[in-house]
Amino acid sequence: MNNCDNNIEYRIIPFRGIRYNHKKVKDLDKVICPPYDVITPQQREAYYNKSEHNIIRLEYTARNNEDAIKGKIYERAANTFQQWMANEVLFRDVDAAFYLHDYYFDNQGVKSKRRELIARVKLEPWYKNIYPHENTFPEAKSDRLSLMQACQVSFSSILVLYDSGKKLATILSRATESKPIIELSGSNEHHIVWAINENKLVNRISELLAPKPLFIADGHHRYETALTYQSECLNSLSSSERGEDVPGSNGREAFNYIMMNLVDFSDPGLLMSPIHRLVRGIEPSVLDKMREQLEKFFIVESVPITDMTLGSLKQNMPGEVSMAVLGLESQLITLLKEKQDDSIKSMMPENHTIAYNNLGTNLFNYIVLDKVLGIAKESDDIAYIADVDEAYQKIKEGAYQLAFLLTAPETESIKDVSFARERMPHKSTYFHPKLPTGLIINPLF
C-alpha cells in the first residue's frame, strides 16, 4: 500500500477511500446527492426514488420523530451500509490515494470548473492551522455524531480553502494525465476523479500542503462532529476498563483525521454567493416610514423590476450598491448605497475588525434589522434564501413582506475574519456548487 514516508508525520495524507462499484452501479449520477444540510424533505424523496442505492439512504435516511427518538434511523443507515459493502455495491480501494476531483458545472449559463484535492487532514483544535468563519448549532452536530457512531464512516466531505502557489497546481495537473477512476455526467454537471498514489507525488503534495493554514468554507458542523468523535475514540482507548494490554492511540488512526475537499483560493471555479434575507411581521406604520429611515444611513434609489435588473443582482450588487430591497415599492427594486460619512460606521460594534463590520450580513443585522425595523436577528420572522428569483416569488406570493438582497463577502474577508478569531453571522456565505456526496466515502475503521 502506497503511503507517505513513515519517518515524517504528515498532516495531510492519502487514504483508502470507499466508492461505488461500477460493475454493480452502472449510472453513478443516480446514486450521488448534495450534502444533507441543503436537502429538503421533497428532494430527499426524489433521491430515494432515483435509485435503491442512492447515497441519501446512508447520508440522510428517511426518518420520523418516533424513529429519531429511538435512534433507529442511524441503525438503519448502518445496516444498509454493511449490506452494500457485503454485496460489493461499495468497495474499498486497495491502495491509499489522494483523489483529484474536477467538478464541471453551469454557472448562470457559463461553463465553469473547480478543482479539488480530496484528502485526509489531521484533526486539530480551531485556530491551530484550521480556521472557522461561522458559528455552529448543537442540534446539527448531534445528528451527524449519531450517524458517525453507528456507521463508523463519514459519507460527506467538507469544503476547505488554502493558498498553494504554482508548485502544487503543476503537480495536480500532471496527475490528470492518467486514467480517471470515476467519470460521470448528469443534471448540468460533470465529475472526473483521479487517484494519486505514486509515492513521490503523494509525499510532495503532503509536504507542500502541511504548513498551509486551512479555512473551512462549508462543513463547520462536520468538523466539530469529527472532533467529538475523535475524543470519544481516544477516551475509549485509554479507558481502564479495556485493560492494560490495549495500546493507546498512535495518532495515525483514521478517527484522528477528517476527509476534506481542498480548493485553492485562486481557483476560478470557487464561487461564493450571498444568502439573502426574507422578512415578515413588519408593522404597517414601520413600513410607511421605512424609506425615510433608510435615507438616514443610505443613498436610496429605485429602479423598475425587469428580467435584466433582477438578473444583474444574481451575480452581486452592481456598482457601489450595498443592498437591494424587494417589496418596499411596488414593481421597483430599492437600491441602497452607503453614504460617504460615518453614519453607518458609528452604528457598528467597536470590538470587531473592519473586515467583520464591512460584511453585508452585519450591515443588514446592525442597521436594517436593529435601527430601521427593530427586529432581533434571531426572530422567526426572518428566513434565508440563496436564489434571487425564488426570493422575488416569495414577495409576489405575499409569504414575506420584504426581501433584502445582500452582497457576498470577498474571499479575503474570510481570511481576515478567521485570522482575527471572529465568526461571521449565521448564513453569511453560500459556496456553490455544493460538494457531491457519494463520490468518495471516508472509512473511520
Protein backbone atom coordinates (compact mmCIF):
# COMPACT_ATOMS: atom_id res chain seq x y z
CA MET A 1 0.00 0.00 0.00
CA ASN A 2 1.39 3.36 -1.01
CA ASN A 3 1.59 5.95 1.70
CA CYS A 4 3.70 8.82 2.97
CA ASP A 5 7.22 8.38 4.25
CA ASN A 6 6.84 6.75 7.67
CA ASN A 7 9.65 8.91 9.06
CA ILE A 8 7.56 12.04 8.62
CA GLU A 9 4.24 12.58 10.33
CA TYR A 10 2.29 14.31 7.63
CA ARG A 11 -0.66 16.46 8.48
CA ILE A 12 -2.35 15.77 5.13
CA ILE A 13 -2.36 12.16 3.99
CA PRO A 14 -3.86 9.83 1.37
CA PHE A 15 -6.39 7.17 2.35
CA ARG A 16 -8.15 4.08 1.08
CA GLY A 17 -11.50 5.53 0.11
CA ILE A 18 -14.75 3.64 -0.28
CA ARG A 19 -16.62 4.15 -3.54
CA TYR A 20 -19.32 2.68 -5.74
CA ASN A 21 -18.58 -0.46 -7.75
CA HIS A 22 -19.05 0.34 -11.45
CA LYS A 23 -19.96 -3.29 -12.12
CA LYS A 24 -22.87 -3.11 -9.68
CA VAL A 25 -23.91 0.51 -10.20
CA LYS A 26 -23.85 1.43 -13.88
CA ASP A 27 -25.11 5.03 -13.64
CA LEU A 28 -23.26 6.89 -10.90
CA ASP A 29 -25.33 10.03 -11.46
CA LYS A 30 -28.29 8.22 -9.93
CA VAL A 31 -26.51 7.45 -6.65
CA ILE A 32 -24.86 10.74 -5.64
CA CYS A 33 -26.64 13.61 -3.89
CA PRO A 34 -25.85 17.00 -2.30
CA PRO A 35 -24.86 17.33 1.38
CA TYR A 36 -27.62 16.55 3.85
CA ASP A 37 -27.97 20.12 5.12
CA VAL A 38 -29.21 21.56 1.80
CA ILE A 39 -31.71 18.78 1.01
CA THR A 40 -35.41 19.46 1.58
CA PRO A 41 -37.81 16.62 2.53
CA GLN A 42 -39.20 16.72 -1.02
CA GLN A 43 -35.72 16.44 -2.52
CA ARG A 44 -34.88 13.59 -0.18
CA GLU A 45 -37.85 11.62 -1.51
CA ALA A 46 -36.75 12.34 -5.08
CA TYR A 47 -33.25 10.99 -4.39
CA TYR A 48 -34.76 7.92 -2.73
CA ASN A 49 -36.74 7.26 -5.90
CA LYS A 50 -33.73 7.82 -8.14
CA SER A 51 -32.02 4.58 -7.12
CA GLU A 52 -32.20 1.89 -4.48
CA HIS A 53 -28.50 2.58 -3.94
CA ASN A 54 -28.58 6.36 -3.74
CA ILE A 55 -26.24 7.62 -1.00
CA ILE A 56 -29.18 9.52 0.53
CA ARG A 57 -30.15 6.21 2.17
CA LEU A 58 -26.94 6.41 4.20
CA GLU A 59 -26.28 10.15 4.49
CA TYR A 60 -29.83 11.30 5.26
CA THR A 61 -32.04 8.25 5.61
CA ALA A 62 -35.82 8.63 5.85
CA ARG A 63 -36.92 9.49 9.34
CA ASN A 64 -39.86 10.24 11.56
CA ASN A 65 -39.99 11.55 15.11
CA GLU A 66 -40.50 8.16 16.73
CA ASP A 67 -37.60 6.57 14.87
CA ALA A 68 -35.38 9.54 15.67
CA ILE A 69 -36.11 9.25 19.39
CA LYS A 70 -35.26 5.55 19.38
CA GLY A 71 -32.17 6.00 17.23
CA LYS A 72 -33.47 3.62 14.59
CA ILE A 73 -32.61 5.91 11.70
CA TYR A 74 -28.89 5.55 12.42
CA GLU A 75 -29.14 1.81 12.98
CA ARG A 76 -30.96 1.53 9.64
CA ALA A 77 -28.23 3.51 7.87
CA ALA A 78 -25.51 1.31 9.42
CA ASN A 79 -27.28 -1.90 8.38
CA THR A 80 -27.73 -0.61 4.84
CA PHE A 81 -24.07 0.41 4.63
CA GLN A 82 -22.89 -3.00 5.85
CA GLN A 83 -25.19 -4.73 3.38
CA TRP A 84 -23.88 -2.67 0.47
CA MET A 85 -20.30 -3.46 1.45
CA ALA A 86 -21.08 -7.17 1.77
CA ASN A 87 -22.83 -7.20 -1.63
CA GLU A 88 -19.96 -5.23 -3.20
CA VAL A 89 -22.18 -2.32 -4.16
CA LEU A 90 -19.49 -0.34 -2.37
CA PHE A 91 -15.82 -1.36 -2.14
CA ARG A 92 -12.68 -0.03 -0.52
CA ASP A 93 -9.66 0.87 -2.64
CA VAL A 94 -6.62 -1.37 -2.21
CA ASP A 95 -4.10 1.47 -2.26
CA ALA A 96 -4.17 4.70 -0.28
CA ALA A 97 -4.51 7.71 -2.55
CA PHE A 98 -5.22 11.39 -2.83
CA TYR A 99 -8.29 11.83 -5.03
CA LEU A 100 -8.23 14.69 -7.52
CA HIS A 101 -11.73 15.87 -8.41
CA ASP A 102 -12.54 18.15 -11.35
CA TYR A 103 -16.07 19.47 -10.95
CA TYR A 104 -17.61 20.91 -14.14
CA PHE A 105 -20.85 22.85 -13.72
CA ASP A 106 -23.05 25.54 -15.23
CA ASN A 107 -22.99 28.97 -13.58
CA GLN A 108 -25.60 31.40 -14.90
CA GLY A 109 -25.15 29.95 -18.40
CA VAL A 110 -21.34 29.93 -18.20
CA LYS A 111 -19.41 26.63 -18.09
CA SER A 112 -17.09 26.53 -15.07
CA LYS A 113 -14.71 24.10 -13.38
CA ARG A 114 -13.50 23.76 -9.80
CA ARG A 115 -10.50 21.56 -8.92
CA GLU A 116 -10.50 19.83 -5.53
CA LEU A 117 -7.98 17.59 -3.80
CA ILE A 118 -9.73 15.03 -1.60
CA ALA A 119 -7.51 14.06 1.33
CA ARG A 120 -7.47 13.15 4.97
CA VAL A 121 -6.41 16.05 7.20
CA LYS A 122 -5.28 15.71 10.81
CA LEU A 123 -7.93 16.91 13.25
CA GLU A 124 -6.72 19.86 15.30
CA PRO A 125 -8.42 22.37 17.58
CA TRP A 126 -9.73 25.53 15.98
CA TYR A 127 -7.05 28.10 15.12
CA LYS A 128 -4.23 25.57 15.11
CA ASN A 129 -3.86 25.92 11.34
CA ILE A 130 -7.61 25.20 10.98
CA TYR A 131 -9.80 28.31 10.80
CA PRO A 132 -13.60 28.55 11.03
CA HIS A 133 -15.58 31.56 9.90
CA GLU A 134 -19.14 30.70 11.02
CA ASN A 135 -20.85 29.54 14.21
CA THR A 136 -22.37 26.08 14.64
CA PHE A 137 -25.52 24.70 16.27
CA PRO A 138 -25.71 21.74 18.69
CA GLU A 139 -28.71 20.06 17.03
CA ALA A 140 -26.96 19.59 13.70
CA LYS A 141 -23.83 18.19 15.34
CA SER A 142 -25.83 15.70 17.42
CA ASP A 143 -27.42 14.21 14.31
CA ARG A 144 -24.08 13.86 12.47
CA LEU A 145 -22.39 12.35 15.52
CA SER A 146 -25.08 9.68 15.91
CA LEU A 147 -24.68 8.72 12.25
CA MET A 148 -20.88 8.60 12.56
CA GLN A 149 -21.06 6.45 15.69
CA ALA A 150 -23.43 3.96 14.05
CA CYS A 151 -21.69 3.65 10.68
CA GLN A 152 -18.05 4.41 11.58
CA VAL A 153 -17.62 6.32 8.33
CA SER A 154 -18.04 9.88 7.12
CA PHE A 155 -20.15 9.93 3.99
CA SER A 156 -19.72 13.59 3.06
CA SER A 157 -16.62 15.73 2.91
CA ILE A 158 -16.10 19.36 3.87
CA LEU A 159 -15.02 22.19 1.58
CA VAL A 160 -11.78 23.84 2.68
CA LEU A 161 -9.74 26.68 1.16
CA TYR A 162 -5.98 27.17 1.04
CA ASP A 163 -3.23 29.18 -0.72
CA SER A 164 -0.81 26.89 -2.53
CA GLY A 165 1.19 28.60 -5.24
CA LYS A 166 2.15 27.21 -8.64
CA LYS A 167 4.11 24.16 -7.48
CA LEU A 168 1.10 22.22 -6.25
CA ALA A 169 -1.00 23.26 -9.23
CA THR A 170 1.64 21.82 -11.56
CA ILE A 171 1.71 18.52 -9.69
CA LEU A 172 -2.07 18.20 -9.77
CA SER A 173 -2.18 18.97 -13.48
CA ARG A 174 0.31 16.18 -14.07
CA ALA A 175 -2.00 13.76 -12.24
CA THR A 176 -4.75 14.32 -14.82
CA GLU A 177 -2.61 12.64 -17.47
CA SER A 178 -3.54 9.24 -16.02
CA LYS A 179 -6.81 7.38 -16.49
CA PRO A 180 -9.67 8.58 -14.24
CA ILE A 181 -11.19 6.17 -11.74
CA ILE A 182 -14.58 7.95 -11.80
CA GLU A 183 -16.32 9.87 -14.56
CA LEU A 184 -19.99 10.76 -14.63
CA SER A 185 -22.34 13.33 -16.08
CA GLY A 186 -25.85 14.47 -15.30
CA SER A 187 -28.08 17.43 -14.46
CA ASN A 188 -25.70 20.03 -15.97
CA GLU A 189 -22.74 18.64 -14.01
CA HIS A 190 -19.73 16.54 -14.92
CA HIS A 191 -17.33 14.88 -12.49
CA ILE A 192 -13.89 13.38 -13.14
CA VAL A 193 -11.83 11.80 -10.35
CA TRP A 194 -8.23 10.55 -10.50
CA ALA A 195 -6.37 8.55 -7.86
CA ILE A 196 -2.90 9.88 -6.97
CA ASN A 197 -0.94 7.06 -5.33
CA GLU A 198 2.59 7.35 -6.68
CA ASN A 199 4.82 7.71 -3.62
CA LYS A 200 6.85 10.68 -4.86
CA LEU A 201 3.75 12.65 -5.83
CA VAL A 202 1.96 11.77 -2.60
CA ASN A 203 4.91 12.85 -0.47
CA ARG A 204 5.41 16.07 -2.41
CA ILE A 205 1.72 17.03 -2.12
CA SER A 206 1.81 16.35 1.62
CA GLU A 207 4.97 18.42 2.07
CA LEU A 208 3.57 21.39 0.17
CA LEU A 209 0.23 21.42 1.99
CA ALA A 210 1.36 20.52 5.52
CA PRO A 211 2.32 24.07 6.64
CA LYS A 212 -0.64 25.79 5.00
CA PRO A 213 -3.44 27.31 7.09
CA LEU A 214 -6.78 25.83 6.07
CA PHE A 215 -10.05 27.75 6.08
CA ILE A 216 -13.37 25.93 6.45
CA ALA A 217 -15.78 27.08 3.74
CA ASP A 218 -18.59 24.52 4.12
CA GLY A 219 -18.77 21.89 6.84
CA HIS A 220 -18.19 23.53 10.22
CA HIS A 221 -20.67 21.14 11.87
CA ARG A 222 -18.98 18.11 10.30
CA TYR A 223 -15.56 19.25 11.53
CA GLU A 224 -16.72 19.76 15.11
CA THR A 225 -18.55 16.43 14.98
CA ALA A 226 -15.32 14.72 13.93
CA LEU A 227 -13.51 16.35 16.87
CA THR A 228 -16.12 14.95 19.25
CA TYR A 229 -15.92 11.51 17.65
CA GLN A 230 -12.13 11.59 17.92
CA SER A 231 -12.37 12.46 21.62
CA GLU A 232 -14.74 9.56 22.22
CA CYS A 233 -12.43 7.12 20.45
CA LEU A 234 -9.39 8.34 22.38
CA ASN A 235 -11.27 8.05 25.68
CA SER A 236 -12.32 4.54 24.76
CA LEU A 237 -8.72 3.52 24.04
CA SER A 238 -7.43 4.93 27.32
CA SER A 239 -10.28 3.55 29.43
CA SER A 240 -9.08 1.39 32.29
CA GLU A 241 -11.98 -0.95 31.61
CA ARG A 242 -10.26 -2.01 28.39
CA GLY A 243 -7.34 -3.47 30.30
CA GLU A 244 -3.63 -2.71 30.36
CA ASP A 245 -2.91 -4.78 27.23
CA VAL A 246 -4.81 -2.39 24.96
CA PRO A 247 -2.38 0.12 23.40
CA GLY A 248 -3.17 3.81 23.35
CA SER A 249 -3.51 5.93 20.25
CA ASN A 250 -0.51 6.30 17.96
CA GLY A 251 -2.08 9.35 16.30
CA ARG A 252 -2.43 7.60 12.95
CA GLU A 253 -5.84 6.01 13.42
CA ALA A 254 -8.48 7.05 10.91
CA PHE A 255 -10.56 8.77 13.59
CA ASN A 256 -7.73 11.28 14.06
CA TYR A 257 -8.39 12.62 10.56
CA ILE A 258 -11.24 14.09 8.55
CA MET A 259 -11.91 13.99 4.82
CA MET A 260 -11.61 17.37 3.12
CA ASN A 261 -12.03 18.69 -0.41
CA LEU A 262 -9.22 21.22 -0.63
CA VAL A 263 -9.62 24.12 -3.07
CA ASP A 264 -7.13 26.87 -3.84
CA PHE A 265 -8.35 30.39 -3.08
CA SER A 266 -7.31 31.36 -6.61
CA ASP A 267 -9.37 28.64 -8.32
CA PRO A 268 -11.63 30.37 -10.89
CA GLY A 269 -14.39 27.88 -10.11
CA LEU A 270 -14.55 28.88 -6.44
CA LEU A 271 -17.87 30.71 -6.35
CA MET A 272 -19.32 32.34 -3.25
CA SER A 273 -22.78 33.85 -3.28
CA PRO A 274 -24.63 35.80 -0.60
CA ILE A 275 -27.53 34.34 1.35
CA HIS A 276 -30.42 36.77 1.17
CA ARG A 277 -32.98 37.58 3.86
CA LEU A 278 -36.78 37.41 3.79
CA VAL A 279 -38.66 39.34 6.48
CA ARG A 280 -42.30 39.37 7.61
CA GLY A 281 -44.19 40.58 10.67
CA ILE A 282 -43.37 44.24 10.00
CA GLU A 283 -45.96 46.70 11.28
CA PRO A 284 -47.63 48.89 8.56
CA SER A 285 -46.54 52.05 10.38
CA VAL A 286 -42.92 50.88 10.21
CA LEU A 287 -43.21 50.07 6.51
CA ASP A 288 -44.70 53.51 5.78
CA LYS A 289 -41.66 55.27 7.25
CA MET A 290 -39.06 52.76 6.14
CA ARG A 291 -37.68 54.63 3.14
CA GLU A 292 -37.35 57.75 5.27
CA GLN A 293 -35.49 55.75 7.92
CA LEU A 294 -33.22 54.12 5.35
CA GLU A 295 -32.25 57.53 3.98
CA LYS A 296 -30.60 58.33 7.33
CA PHE A 297 -27.93 55.74 6.53
CA PHE A 298 -28.04 55.14 2.78
CA ILE A 299 -28.37 56.83 -0.56
CA VAL A 300 -31.66 55.31 -1.72
CA GLU A 301 -32.51 54.80 -5.39
CA SER A 302 -35.27 52.88 -7.16
CA VAL A 303 -35.24 51.04 -10.49
CA PRO A 304 -38.02 49.08 -12.27
CA ILE A 305 -38.15 45.32 -11.75
CA THR A 306 -37.24 43.64 -15.04
CA ASP A 307 -35.57 40.39 -16.03
CA MET A 308 -32.43 42.42 -16.67
CA THR A 309 -32.37 44.21 -13.31
CA LEU A 310 -33.15 41.02 -11.40
CA GLY A 311 -30.54 39.16 -13.43
CA SER A 312 -27.86 41.70 -12.53
CA LEU A 313 -28.47 41.01 -8.84
CA LYS A 314 -27.86 37.26 -9.21
CA GLN A 315 -24.10 37.70 -9.50
CA ASN A 316 -23.62 40.52 -7.00
CA MET A 317 -24.70 44.07 -6.34
CA PRO A 318 -23.97 46.44 -9.25
CA GLY A 319 -21.53 49.32 -8.73
CA GLU A 320 -21.50 50.74 -5.21
CA VAL A 321 -24.83 49.21 -4.21
CA SER A 322 -24.58 47.58 -0.77
CA MET A 323 -28.04 46.02 -0.63
CA ALA A 324 -31.27 45.79 -2.65
CA VAL A 325 -34.83 45.54 -1.31
CA LEU A 326 -37.82 43.86 -2.96
CA GLY A 327 -41.34 44.61 -1.77
CA LEU A 328 -40.82 48.08 -0.34
CA GLU A 329 -42.05 49.81 -3.51
CA SER A 330 -44.48 48.28 -6.00
CA GLN A 331 -42.74 46.98 -9.16
CA LEU A 332 -39.50 48.62 -8.07
CA ILE A 333 -36.19 47.45 -6.68
CA THR A 334 -34.93 49.73 -3.91
CA LEU A 335 -31.14 50.08 -4.08
CA LEU A 336 -29.12 51.12 -1.03
CA LYS A 337 -25.67 52.72 -1.25
CA GLU A 338 -23.61 53.62 1.79
CA LYS A 339 -23.20 57.32 2.45
CA GLN A 340 -19.66 58.65 2.44
CA ASP A 341 -19.96 59.84 6.04
CA ASP A 342 -19.72 57.99 9.34
CA SER A 343 -23.47 57.46 9.80
CA ILE A 344 -23.13 53.70 9.36
CA LYS A 345 -19.67 53.18 10.86
CA SER A 346 -20.76 54.80 14.12
CA MET A 347 -23.53 52.21 14.45
CA MET A 348 -21.29 49.17 14.06
CA PRO A 349 -19.76 47.42 17.09
CA GLU A 350 -16.40 48.81 18.20
CA ASN A 351 -14.99 45.50 19.41
CA HIS A 352 -14.83 43.94 15.93
CA THR A 353 -12.45 44.23 12.99
CA ILE A 354 -13.12 46.34 9.92
CA ALA A 355 -13.50 43.13 7.89
CA TYR A 356 -16.24 41.93 10.24
CA ASN A 357 -18.12 45.25 10.23
CA ASN A 358 -17.94 45.50 6.43
CA LEU A 359 -19.80 42.22 5.91
CA GLY A 360 -23.14 42.60 4.12
CA THR A 361 -24.81 40.41 6.74
CA ASN A 362 -23.67 42.77 9.51
CA LEU A 363 -24.81 45.81 7.58
CA PHE A 364 -28.22 44.14 7.44
CA ASN A 365 -28.19 42.99 11.09
CA TYR A 366 -26.96 46.18 12.78
CA ILE A 367 -28.51 48.83 10.55
CA VAL A 368 -31.62 47.45 8.83
CA LEU A 369 -32.85 44.96 11.43
CA ASP A 370 -31.84 46.81 14.56
CA LYS A 371 -32.06 50.52 13.73
CA VAL A 372 -34.71 50.60 10.98
CA LEU A 373 -37.01 47.64 11.66
CA GLY A 374 -36.38 46.97 15.34
CA ILE A 375 -36.35 43.19 14.81
CA ALA A 376 -33.99 40.79 16.58
CA LYS A 377 -31.73 38.85 14.22
CA GLU A 378 -32.83 35.58 15.86
CA SER A 379 -36.50 36.27 15.03
CA ASP A 380 -38.63 33.52 13.47
CA ASP A 381 -39.90 36.18 11.06
CA ILE A 382 -36.58 36.04 9.19
CA ALA A 383 -35.85 33.38 6.56
CA TYR A 384 -32.77 32.70 4.47
CA ILE A 385 -32.67 32.13 0.74
CA ALA A 386 -29.89 31.97 -1.86
CA ASP A 387 -31.91 32.27 -5.08
CA VAL A 388 -32.96 35.78 -6.21
CA ASP A 389 -35.85 34.53 -8.37
CA GLU A 390 -37.21 32.46 -5.51
CA ALA A 391 -36.92 35.43 -3.16
CA TYR A 392 -38.91 37.58 -5.59
CA GLN A 393 -41.54 34.85 -5.90
CA LYS A 394 -41.97 34.78 -2.10
CA ILE A 395 -42.66 38.52 -2.15
CA LYS A 396 -45.16 38.25 -5.01
CA GLU A 397 -46.98 35.45 -3.20
CA GLY A 398 -47.17 37.52 -0.02
CA ALA A 399 -45.34 34.89 2.04
CA TYR A 400 -42.95 37.64 3.18
CA GLN A 401 -43.17 41.42 3.10
CA LEU A 402 -39.61 42.27 2.14
CA ALA A 403 -36.60 40.57 0.58
CA PHE A 404 -33.16 42.01 1.28
CA LEU A 405 -30.60 41.01 -1.34
CA LEU A 406 -27.12 41.15 0.19
CA THR A 407 -23.59 41.25 -1.15
CA ALA A 408 -21.29 38.24 -0.94
CA PRO A 409 -18.19 38.53 1.23
CA GLU A 410 -14.84 38.72 -0.54
CA THR A 411 -12.70 35.61 -0.11
CA GLU A 412 -10.06 37.78 1.54
CA SER A 413 -12.59 38.75 4.22
CA ILE A 414 -12.87 35.08 5.17
CA LYS A 415 -9.13 35.08 5.90
CA ASP A 416 -9.26 38.39 7.77
CA VAL A 417 -12.21 37.43 9.96
CA SER A 418 -10.83 33.93 10.61
CA PHE A 419 -7.32 35.11 11.50
CA ALA A 420 -8.89 37.60 13.93
CA ARG A 421 -10.71 34.66 15.57
CA GLU A 422 -14.07 36.16 14.81
CA ARG A 423 -17.10 34.35 13.42
CA MET A 424 -19.32 35.66 10.66
CA PRO A 425 -23.05 35.84 11.42
CA HIS A 426 -25.19 32.79 10.67
CA LYS A 427 -25.79 32.26 6.93
CA SER A 428 -23.18 34.72 5.68
CA THR A 429 -21.76 32.65 2.84
CA TYR A 430 -23.05 30.21 0.24
CA PHE A 431 -20.39 28.35 -1.70
CA HIS A 432 -21.66 26.68 -4.83
CA PRO A 433 -21.96 24.22 -6.28
CA LYS A 434 -22.20 22.08 -3.16
CA LEU A 435 -19.89 19.09 -2.84
CA PRO A 436 -21.47 15.88 -4.14
CA THR A 437 -21.89 13.16 -1.53
CA GLY A 438 -21.10 9.64 -2.69
CA LEU A 439 -18.05 10.03 -4.93
CA ILE A 440 -15.61 9.06 -2.17
CA ILE A 441 -16.51 7.81 1.34
CA ASN A 442 -14.08 8.03 4.25
CA PRO A 443 -13.87 4.92 6.48
CA LEU A 444 -13.09 5.52 10.16
CA PHE A 445 -12.13 1.93 10.88
